[in-house]
Amino acid sequence: MFAAITAARQGNRVLLLEKNPRLGKKLLITGKGRCNVTNDCTAQEVLQNTPRNGRFLYSAMTAFPPERTKAFFEEAGCELKTERGNRVFPVTDKSSSILECLQRQLRKLSVTVSTARVEQILTEQGHVTGVRTQEETYLAPWVILATGGVSYPATGSTGDGYAMAKELGHTIIAPEGSLVPLEILGTDCPDMQGLSLRNVGVKLVNAKGKVLYRDFGELLFTHFGVSGPTVLSASCHLKGEGCRLIIDLKPALEEGKLDERILRDLDKNQNRSMENALTELLPRSMIPVVLRRLEIDGHLQANSLTKQKRRAMVELLKGFSLEIVGKRPVSEAIITSGGVKVSEVDPKTMESKKVSGLYFAGEILDCDAYTGGFNLQIAWATAYAAGCAASLAGKTSIDKTAKL
């Protein structure tokens, strides 16, 4: 939609082809239905939060940084607000406000919207000549492919664009889930299902003990493993087997201070059982898991706990380790990692280096970022680059030439 708006603002006649019955189906579910439209930060900070091929986005993000995204929507009548983590949302807290804003602009600029599924991009002598849908053929000197990835396939993200790009000679980096929950070995997570932790430290460590990613914030235990903002961001860095997620449950306390805290709790509850003596230190559902890991009988009186076991408890709470089995299916991922290989795309214009007149925008490209509005900002910036550059191909009309 934004690529179409950008191209139409340059004076072109633009056709937007959408395979769903209506526009913006995936946009409506972003940000849990609130649409985290961008992040109120600099272009450089967006790139710093883009672990996969962020450098490729430098030109596009510099030309269309978050401040321009905010200005576009606010000038178009959609008021925005900034929340924790510089996340930007519509003041209505409804993603439909963003969709309606884009649709108003499409109508204002007389962009033709047709609900049809494109089956093939037509080319001749290495240049785009149009597209063929299931029912009709359209001639055009340029095409912007903005079909998304393969996450949330029910919204229409089923990898159609990958097949079309591959047919035209592009390399497709195998898509997998990014910003996706992680499956964890064992029963500890299911035993704590529904428990949400705030203000915890998280480290992703590989089989050799190298720290791949660090974060601080929220985490959620589920029936299959872990989720939440820190876990979703960590999933972007998951590589190979044998990785572990290590949680610092008490990041504000050094080990010595934590030991003193535990000692005070045990002294305060010295005649109570261990399962009841730790209720001020840990969430109720976590206590049995911690005691099981430490091989401490829950019925043991607090005043009977040995110094060695107390020391082991300190180490466990500062480094609660979870063995990662793998990512949840890509269909459950917020975004897709992988896609069109960026070395085959001009970073300034988003034009294919293999087929002139073919442009890419958004998640179809092999770029992905952390949560916080960064991925939508990538969509706006690449769409803007593609919409502007495609227009230089010449102001033209799009002709419907035949019914198949």
Protein backbone atom coordinates (compact mmCIF):
# COMPACT_ATOMS: atom_id res chain seq x y z
CA MET A 1 0.00 0.00 0.00
CA PHE A 2 2.74 2.45 0.91
CA ALA A 3 4.74 1.64 -2.20
CA ALA A 4 1.63 2.30 -4.30
CA ILE A 5 1.01 5.59 -2.49
CA THR A 6 4.62 6.67 -3.02
CA ALA A 7 4.57 5.82 -6.73
CA ALA A 8 1.21 7.54 -7.23
CA ARG A 9 2.49 10.70 -5.56
CA GLN A 10 5.09 10.90 -8.33
CA GLY A 11 2.26 11.25 -10.86
CA ASN A 12 2.02 7.64 -12.02
CA ARG A 13 -1.09 5.62 -12.61
CA VAL A 14 -0.77 2.70 -10.20
CA LEU A 15 -2.50 -0.64 -9.89
CA LEU A 16 -2.37 -2.46 -6.55
CA LEU A 17 -3.04 -6.20 -6.84
CA GLU A 18 -4.07 -7.96 -3.61
CA LYS A 19 -4.88 -11.66 -3.44
CA ASN A 20 -6.98 -11.35 -0.25
CA PRO A 21 -10.59 -10.16 -0.42
CA ARG A 22 -9.50 -6.99 1.39
CA LEU A 23 -6.36 -4.99 2.03
CA GLY A 24 -4.25 -5.03 5.17
CA LYS A 25 -5.23 -8.36 6.67
CA LYS A 26 -1.81 -8.88 8.24
CA LEU A 27 -1.43 -5.22 9.19
CA LEU A 28 -4.54 -5.51 11.34
CA ILE A 29 -2.96 -8.10 13.65
CA THR A 30 0.35 -6.31 14.16
CA GLY A 31 1.17 -5.05 17.63
CA LYS A 32 -1.53 -7.31 19.08
CA GLY A 33 -4.11 -5.41 17.06
CA ARG A 34 -2.71 -1.98 17.98
CA CYS A 35 -0.11 -1.67 15.18
CA ASN A 36 3.33 -0.68 16.44
CA VAL A 37 3.77 1.51 13.37
CA THR A 38 7.42 2.48 13.94
CA ASN A 39 9.96 3.29 16.64
CA ASP A 40 10.65 6.90 17.62
CA CYS A 41 14.39 6.74 17.06
CA THR A 42 17.03 7.63 14.48
CA ALA A 43 17.69 5.74 11.25
CA GLN A 44 20.96 4.51 12.75
CA GLU A 45 19.17 3.09 15.78
CA VAL A 46 16.80 1.18 13.50
CA LEU A 47 19.80 -0.38 11.79
CA GLN A 48 21.34 -1.24 15.16
CA ASN A 49 18.15 -3.15 15.94
CA THR A 50 18.29 -5.03 12.63
CA PRO A 51 20.58 -8.01 13.19
CA ARG A 52 20.10 -9.46 9.70
CA ASN A 53 21.44 -7.39 6.79
CA GLY A 54 20.97 -4.05 8.48
CA ARG A 55 23.79 -2.53 6.43
CA PHE A 56 21.84 -3.20 3.22
CA LEU A 57 19.09 -0.87 4.51
CA TYR A 58 21.36 2.12 5.17
CA SER A 59 20.38 4.18 2.11
CA ALA A 60 16.67 3.41 2.29
CA MET A 61 16.48 4.06 6.03
CA THR A 62 18.45 7.29 5.78
CA ALA A 63 16.09 8.53 3.05
CA PHE A 64 12.97 7.54 5.00
CA PRO A 65 13.69 7.36 8.74
CA PRO A 66 11.08 6.98 11.52
CA GLU A 67 10.49 10.74 11.74
CA ARG A 68 9.23 10.71 8.14
CA THR A 69 6.98 7.74 8.87
CA LYS A 70 5.45 9.61 11.80
CA ALA A 71 5.04 12.75 9.71
CA PHE A 72 3.31 10.85 6.91
CA PHE A 73 0.64 9.36 9.13
CA GLU A 74 0.04 12.45 11.22
CA GLU A 75 -0.21 14.71 8.16
CA ALA A 76 -2.65 12.18 6.70
CA GLY A 77 -4.89 12.52 9.75
CA CYS A 78 -3.77 9.58 11.89
CA GLU A 79 -2.59 10.87 15.27
CA LEU A 80 0.22 8.87 16.89
CA LYS A 81 1.62 8.40 20.40
CA THR A 82 4.91 7.08 21.76
CA GLU A 83 5.05 4.49 24.55
CA ARG A 84 7.68 2.57 26.51
CA GLY A 85 10.66 1.55 24.42
CA ASN A 86 9.90 4.40 21.97
CA ARG A 87 7.20 2.24 20.39
CA VAL A 88 4.82 4.33 18.26
CA PHE A 89 1.09 3.50 18.06
CA PRO A 90 -2.03 5.24 16.79
CA VAL A 91 -3.73 7.10 19.65
CA THR A 92 -6.83 4.99 19.04
CA ASP A 93 -4.87 1.82 19.93
CA LYS A 94 -6.41 0.27 16.83
CA SER A 95 -4.43 -1.00 13.86
CA SER A 96 -7.51 -0.29 11.76
CA SER A 97 -6.66 3.42 12.11
CA ILE A 98 -3.40 2.85 10.22
CA LEU A 99 -5.13 0.76 7.56
CA GLU A 100 -7.89 3.35 7.09
CA CYS A 101 -5.27 6.08 6.76
CA LEU A 102 -3.50 4.17 3.99
CA GLN A 103 -6.77 3.42 2.23
CA ARG A 104 -7.76 7.10 2.30
CA GLN A 105 -4.47 7.97 0.63
CA LEU A 106 -4.97 5.27 -2.01
CA ARG A 107 -8.39 6.70 -2.86
CA LYS A 108 -7.12 10.29 -2.82
CA LEU A 109 -4.38 9.38 -5.30
CA SER A 110 -6.76 7.33 -7.50
CA VAL A 111 -4.78 4.11 -7.07
CA THR A 112 -6.72 1.23 -8.62
CA VAL A 113 -7.09 -1.70 -6.23
CA SER A 114 -7.94 -5.11 -7.64
CA THR A 115 -8.37 -8.31 -5.64
CA ALA A 116 -6.60 -10.84 -7.81
CA ARG A 117 -3.81 -13.34 -7.28
CA VAL A 118 -0.73 -12.78 -9.42
CA GLU A 119 0.59 -16.01 -10.91
CA GLN A 120 3.53 -14.74 -12.93
CA ILE A 121 5.64 -11.65 -13.53
CA LEU A 122 6.11 -11.20 -17.26
CA THR A 123 9.48 -10.23 -18.71
CA GLU A 124 11.06 -9.71 -22.09
CA GLN A 125 14.79 -9.48 -22.74
CA GLY A 126 15.55 -9.05 -19.03
CA HIS A 127 12.97 -6.36 -18.37
CA VAL A 128 9.57 -6.50 -16.69
CA THR A 129 6.65 -6.14 -19.07
CA GLY A 130 3.71 -6.85 -16.75
CA VAL A 131 1.97 -9.45 -14.63
CA ARG A 132 -0.48 -12.26 -15.21
CA THR A 133 -3.21 -13.02 -12.69
CA GLN A 134 -5.57 -15.98 -12.67
CA GLU A 135 -7.99 -14.07 -14.89
CA GLU A 136 -6.23 -11.20 -16.64
CA THR A 137 -2.93 -9.86 -17.90
CA TYR A 138 -1.65 -6.35 -17.18
CA LEU A 139 1.16 -4.64 -19.05
CA ALA A 140 3.45 -2.34 -17.06
CA PRO A 141 7.11 -1.30 -17.28
CA TRP A 142 7.72 -1.88 -13.57
CA VAL A 143 6.42 -4.11 -10.80
CA ILE A 144 6.98 -3.81 -7.05
CA LEU A 145 6.84 -7.17 -5.30
CA ALA A 146 5.67 -6.68 -1.69
CA THR A 147 4.16 -10.04 -0.80
CA GLY A 148 5.66 -10.53 2.67
CA GLY A 149 7.11 -13.75 4.02
CA VAL A 150 5.58 -17.01 5.23
CA SER A 151 4.62 -16.20 8.83
CA TYR A 152 0.91 -16.11 9.70
CA PRO A 153 -0.11 -17.80 6.41
CA ALA A 154 -3.80 -17.30 7.22
CA THR A 155 -3.25 -13.61 6.44
CA GLY A 156 -2.07 -14.43 2.93
CA SER A 157 1.67 -14.62 3.63
CA THR A 158 2.24 -17.93 1.89
CA GLY A 159 5.53 -17.29 0.10
CA ASP A 160 4.06 -16.42 -3.31
CA GLY A 161 6.65 -13.72 -3.88
CA TYR A 162 9.53 -16.09 -3.24
CA ALA A 163 8.36 -18.37 -6.05
CA MET A 164 7.98 -15.45 -8.49
CA ALA A 165 11.39 -14.03 -7.61
CA LYS A 166 13.04 -17.44 -7.89
CA GLU A 167 11.48 -18.00 -11.30
CA LEU A 168 13.16 -14.79 -12.44
CA GLY A 169 16.58 -15.97 -11.25
CA HIS A 170 16.76 -14.65 -7.71
CA THR A 171 18.31 -16.62 -4.87
CA ILE A 172 15.93 -17.23 -1.98
CA ILE A 173 17.51 -17.62 1.45
CA ALA A 174 15.51 -20.41 3.10
CA PRO A 175 12.79 -18.74 5.17
CA GLU A 176 12.43 -19.54 8.85
CA GLY A 177 10.71 -17.97 11.80
CA SER A 178 12.14 -14.90 13.47
CA LEU A 179 10.68 -13.17 16.50
CA VAL A 180 9.30 -16.57 17.36
CA PRO A 181 8.83 -18.44 20.68
CA LEU A 182 11.32 -21.17 21.61
CA GLU A 183 10.71 -24.80 22.49
CA ILE A 184 12.51 -25.97 25.64
CA LEU A 185 13.56 -29.46 26.71
CA GLY A 186 11.95 -31.00 29.78
CA THR A 187 8.90 -30.31 31.94
CA ASP A 188 10.02 -27.21 33.82
CA CYS A 189 8.36 -24.75 31.44
CA PRO A 190 5.04 -26.60 31.23
CA ASP A 191 5.06 -26.75 35.04
CA MET A 192 5.30 -22.94 35.09
CA GLN A 193 2.92 -22.40 32.17
CA GLY A 194 1.34 -18.93 32.26
CA LEU A 195 3.99 -17.44 34.55
CA SER A 196 5.17 -14.06 33.29
CA LEU A 197 8.42 -12.58 34.59
CA ARG A 198 9.37 -8.94 34.37
CA ASN A 199 12.76 -7.30 34.70
CA VAL A 200 14.84 -10.42 34.19
CA GLY A 201 18.17 -10.74 32.41
CA VAL A 202 18.32 -13.10 29.44
CA LYS A 203 21.35 -14.54 27.63
CA LEU A 204 21.38 -16.79 24.57
CA VAL A 205 24.47 -19.01 24.71
CA ASN A 206 25.71 -21.46 22.08
CA ALA A 207 27.13 -24.95 22.62
CA LYS A 208 30.62 -23.49 23.14
CA GLY A 209 29.43 -21.07 25.80
CA LYS A 210 29.64 -17.99 23.59
CA VAL A 211 27.00 -15.36 24.33
CA LEU A 212 25.04 -14.75 21.13
CA TYR A 213 22.57 -12.23 22.54
CA ARG A 214 21.75 -10.39 25.78
CA ASP A 215 18.53 -8.68 26.80
CA PHE A 216 16.56 -7.43 29.78
CA GLY A 217 12.81 -7.36 30.18
CA GLU A 218 9.83 -9.69 30.05
CA LEU A 219 9.58 -13.44 29.58
CA LEU A 220 6.64 -15.88 29.56
CA PHE A 221 6.63 -19.62 30.28
CA THR A 222 4.33 -21.70 28.05
CA HIS A 223 3.31 -25.32 27.57
CA PHE A 224 6.08 -25.76 24.97
CA GLY A 225 8.80 -23.49 26.33
CA VAL A 226 9.23 -19.74 26.50
CA SER A 227 7.94 -16.61 24.79
CA GLY A 228 7.78 -12.88 25.48
CA PRO A 229 9.73 -9.88 24.12
CA THR A 230 13.20 -10.96 25.29
CA VAL A 231 12.75 -14.46 23.88
CA LEU A 232 11.39 -13.24 20.55
CA SER A 233 14.41 -10.99 20.05
CA ALA A 234 16.77 -13.76 21.13
CA SER A 235 15.27 -16.05 18.48
CA CYS A 236 16.77 -13.81 15.78
CA HIS A 237 20.23 -14.99 16.90
CA LEU A 238 19.56 -18.70 17.38
CA LYS A 239 22.09 -20.68 15.37
CA GLY A 240 22.97 -24.35 15.46
CA GLU A 241 22.25 -26.97 18.08
CA GLY A 242 23.09 -27.05 21.77
CA CYS A 243 22.02 -23.48 22.51
CA ARG A 244 20.73 -22.51 25.95
CA LEU A 245 18.73 -19.63 27.32
CA ILE A 246 20.10 -18.45 30.66
CA ILE A 247 17.85 -16.32 32.85
CA ASP A 248 19.07 -14.07 35.65
CA LEU A 249 15.99 -14.07 37.87
CA LYS A 250 17.45 -11.44 40.21
CA PRO A 251 19.52 -9.07 38.02
CA ALA A 252 19.36 -6.23 40.56
CA LEU A 253 21.21 -8.31 43.20
CA GLU A 254 24.81 -9.42 43.05
CA GLU A 255 25.43 -12.95 44.28
CA GLY A 256 26.54 -11.81 47.72
CA LYS A 257 23.47 -9.62 48.20
CA LEU A 258 21.19 -12.37 46.90
CA ASP A 259 22.71 -14.82 49.36
CA GLU A 260 21.98 -12.36 52.19
CA ARG A 261 18.42 -11.98 50.96
CA ILE A 262 17.85 -15.75 50.88
CA LEU A 263 19.38 -16.09 54.34
CA ARG A 264 16.99 -13.46 55.71
CA ASP A 265 13.98 -15.20 54.17
CA LEU A 266 15.04 -18.55 55.58
CA ASP A 267 15.63 -17.06 59.02
CA LYS A 268 12.25 -15.30 58.91
CA ASN A 269 10.54 -18.58 57.99
CA GLN A 270 12.89 -20.96 59.80
CA ASN A 271 10.13 -23.25 61.05
CA ARG A 272 8.28 -23.41 57.76
CA SER A 273 8.82 -25.85 54.91
CA MET A 274 11.03 -24.79 52.00
CA GLU A 275 8.07 -24.71 49.63
CA ASN A 276 6.48 -22.06 51.88
CA ALA A 277 9.63 -20.22 52.93
CA LEU A 278 10.43 -18.86 49.45
CA THR A 279 7.10 -17.25 48.58
CA GLU A 280 8.47 -13.71 48.92
CA LEU A 281 11.53 -14.56 46.82
CA LEU A 282 9.96 -16.45 43.93
CA PRO A 283 6.59 -16.81 42.18
CA ARG A 284 4.57 -19.69 43.63
CA SER A 285 4.66 -21.81 40.46
CA MET A 286 8.45 -21.51 40.19
CA ILE A 287 9.26 -22.73 43.71
CA PRO A 288 8.69 -26.48 43.02
CA VAL A 289 10.81 -26.24 39.86
CA VAL A 290 13.70 -24.53 41.68
CA LEU A 291 13.59 -27.00 44.57
CA ARG A 292 13.49 -29.94 42.14
CA ARG A 293 16.53 -28.69 40.29
CA LEU A 294 18.40 -28.26 43.58
CA GLU A 295 17.23 -31.68 44.80
CA ILE A 296 15.72 -30.10 47.90
CA ASP A 297 12.69 -31.72 49.51
CA GLY A 298 9.86 -29.20 49.54
CA HIS A 299 8.88 -30.38 53.04
CA LEU A 300 12.36 -29.70 54.44
CA GLN A 301 12.31 -27.09 57.22
CA ALA A 302 13.98 -23.85 56.22
CA ASN A 303 16.37 -23.92 59.18
CA SER A 304 17.72 -27.28 57.96
CA LEU A 305 18.96 -26.03 54.58
CA THR A 306 22.72 -26.40 54.29
CA LYS A 307 25.08 -23.61 53.29
CA GLN A 308 26.05 -25.60 50.20
CA LYS A 309 22.43 -25.86 49.05
CA ARG A 310 21.88 -22.16 49.72
CA ARG A 311 24.93 -21.35 47.61
CA ALA A 312 23.61 -23.59 44.83
CA MET A 313 20.29 -21.71 45.00
CA VAL A 314 22.08 -18.40 44.48
CA GLU A 315 23.85 -19.77 41.42
CA LEU A 316 20.61 -21.18 40.01
CA LEU A 317 18.67 -17.94 40.46
CA LYS A 318 21.46 -15.98 38.77
CA GLY A 319 21.73 -18.51 35.94
CA PHE A 320 18.48 -20.42 35.41
CA SER A 321 19.41 -22.44 32.31
CA LEU A 322 16.97 -23.78 29.72
CA GLU A 323 18.05 -26.12 26.93
CA ILE A 324 16.58 -25.02 23.60
CA VAL A 325 15.11 -27.69 21.35
CA GLY A 326 14.36 -25.24 18.54
CA LYS A 327 12.04 -22.54 17.29
CA ARG A 328 8.30 -22.84 17.05
CA PRO A 329 6.99 -23.28 13.47
CA VAL A 330 7.43 -20.35 11.10
CA SER A 331 3.64 -20.08 10.90
CA GLU A 332 3.72 -18.87 14.54
CA ALA A 333 6.51 -16.35 13.95
CA ILE A 334 5.85 -12.62 13.96
CA ILE A 335 8.13 -12.18 10.96
CA THR A 336 10.10 -14.28 8.49
CA SER A 337 13.87 -14.46 8.42
CA GLY A 338 15.19 -15.23 4.95
CA GLY A 339 13.87 -14.29 1.53
CA VAL A 340 15.30 -12.59 -1.52
CA LYS A 341 19.10 -12.40 -1.23
CA VAL A 342 19.95 -8.74 -0.68
CA SER A 343 23.20 -8.83 -2.69
CA GLU A 344 20.97 -9.29 -5.75
CA VAL A 345 19.05 -6.07 -5.02
CA ASP A 346 20.17 -2.44 -5.40
CA PRO A 347 20.14 -1.04 -1.83
CA LYS A 348 19.33 2.50 -2.95
CA THR A 349 16.41 1.70 -5.23
CA MET A 350 15.30 -1.83 -4.20
CA GLU A 351 15.50 -2.77 -7.89
CA SER A 352 16.49 -6.26 -8.90
CA LYS A 353 20.01 -6.59 -10.28
CA LYS A 354 18.78 -9.48 -12.42
CA VAL A 355 15.60 -8.10 -13.96
CA SER A 356 15.21 -4.37 -14.66
CA GLY A 357 11.86 -2.94 -13.68
CA LEU A 358 11.41 -5.42 -10.83
CA TYR A 359 11.49 -3.95 -7.31
CA PHE A 360 11.12 -5.39 -3.81
CA ALA A 361 9.70 -3.99 -0.59
CA GLY A 362 9.20 -5.27 2.93
CA GLU A 363 9.47 -8.72 4.41
CA ILE A 364 10.12 -10.50 1.10
CA LEU A 365 13.70 -9.25 1.47
CA ASP A 366 16.19 -11.11 3.66
CA CYS A 367 16.14 -8.47 6.41
CA ASP A 368 14.59 -8.70 9.84
CA ALA A 369 14.75 -6.77 13.09
CA TYR A 370 13.77 -6.95 16.75
CA THR A 371 10.35 -6.14 18.15
CA GLY A 372 9.48 -2.50 18.76
CA GLY A 373 8.21 -1.23 15.40
CA PHE A 374 11.50 -1.77 13.57
CA ASN A 375 10.16 -4.30 11.06
CA LEU A 376 7.30 -2.06 9.98
CA GLN A 377 9.79 0.79 9.67
CA ILE A 378 11.80 -1.42 7.29
CA ALA A 379 8.60 -1.95 5.31
CA TRP A 380 7.88 1.79 5.03
CA ALA A 381 11.49 2.66 4.10
CA THR A 382 11.93 -0.03 1.45
CA ALA A 383 8.47 0.69 0.02
CA TYR A 384 9.36 4.37 -0.23
CA ALA A 385 12.66 3.58 -1.98
CA ALA A 386 10.96 1.22 -4.42
CA GLY A 387 8.03 3.57 -5.08
CA CYS A 388 10.31 6.51 -5.82
CA ALA A 389 12.79 4.57 -7.94
CA ALA A 390 10.16 2.73 -9.96
CA SER A 391 8.64 6.07 -10.89
CA LEU A 392 11.87 7.05 -12.63
CA ALA A 393 11.13 4.28 -15.13
CA GLY A 394 8.71 6.75 -16.69
CA LYS A 395 5.23 7.99 -15.88
CA THR A 396 2.91 5.54 -17.54
CA SER A 397 -0.49 3.96 -17.48
CA ILE A 398 -1.06 0.28 -16.77
CA ASP A 399 -3.03 -1.53 -19.45
CA LYS A 400 -5.27 -4.50 -18.97
CA THR A 401 -4.69 -6.36 -22.23
CA ALA A 402 -6.56 -9.64 -22.09
CA LYS A 403 -8.77 -11.99 -20.20
CA LEU A 404 -7.28 -15.46 -19.93
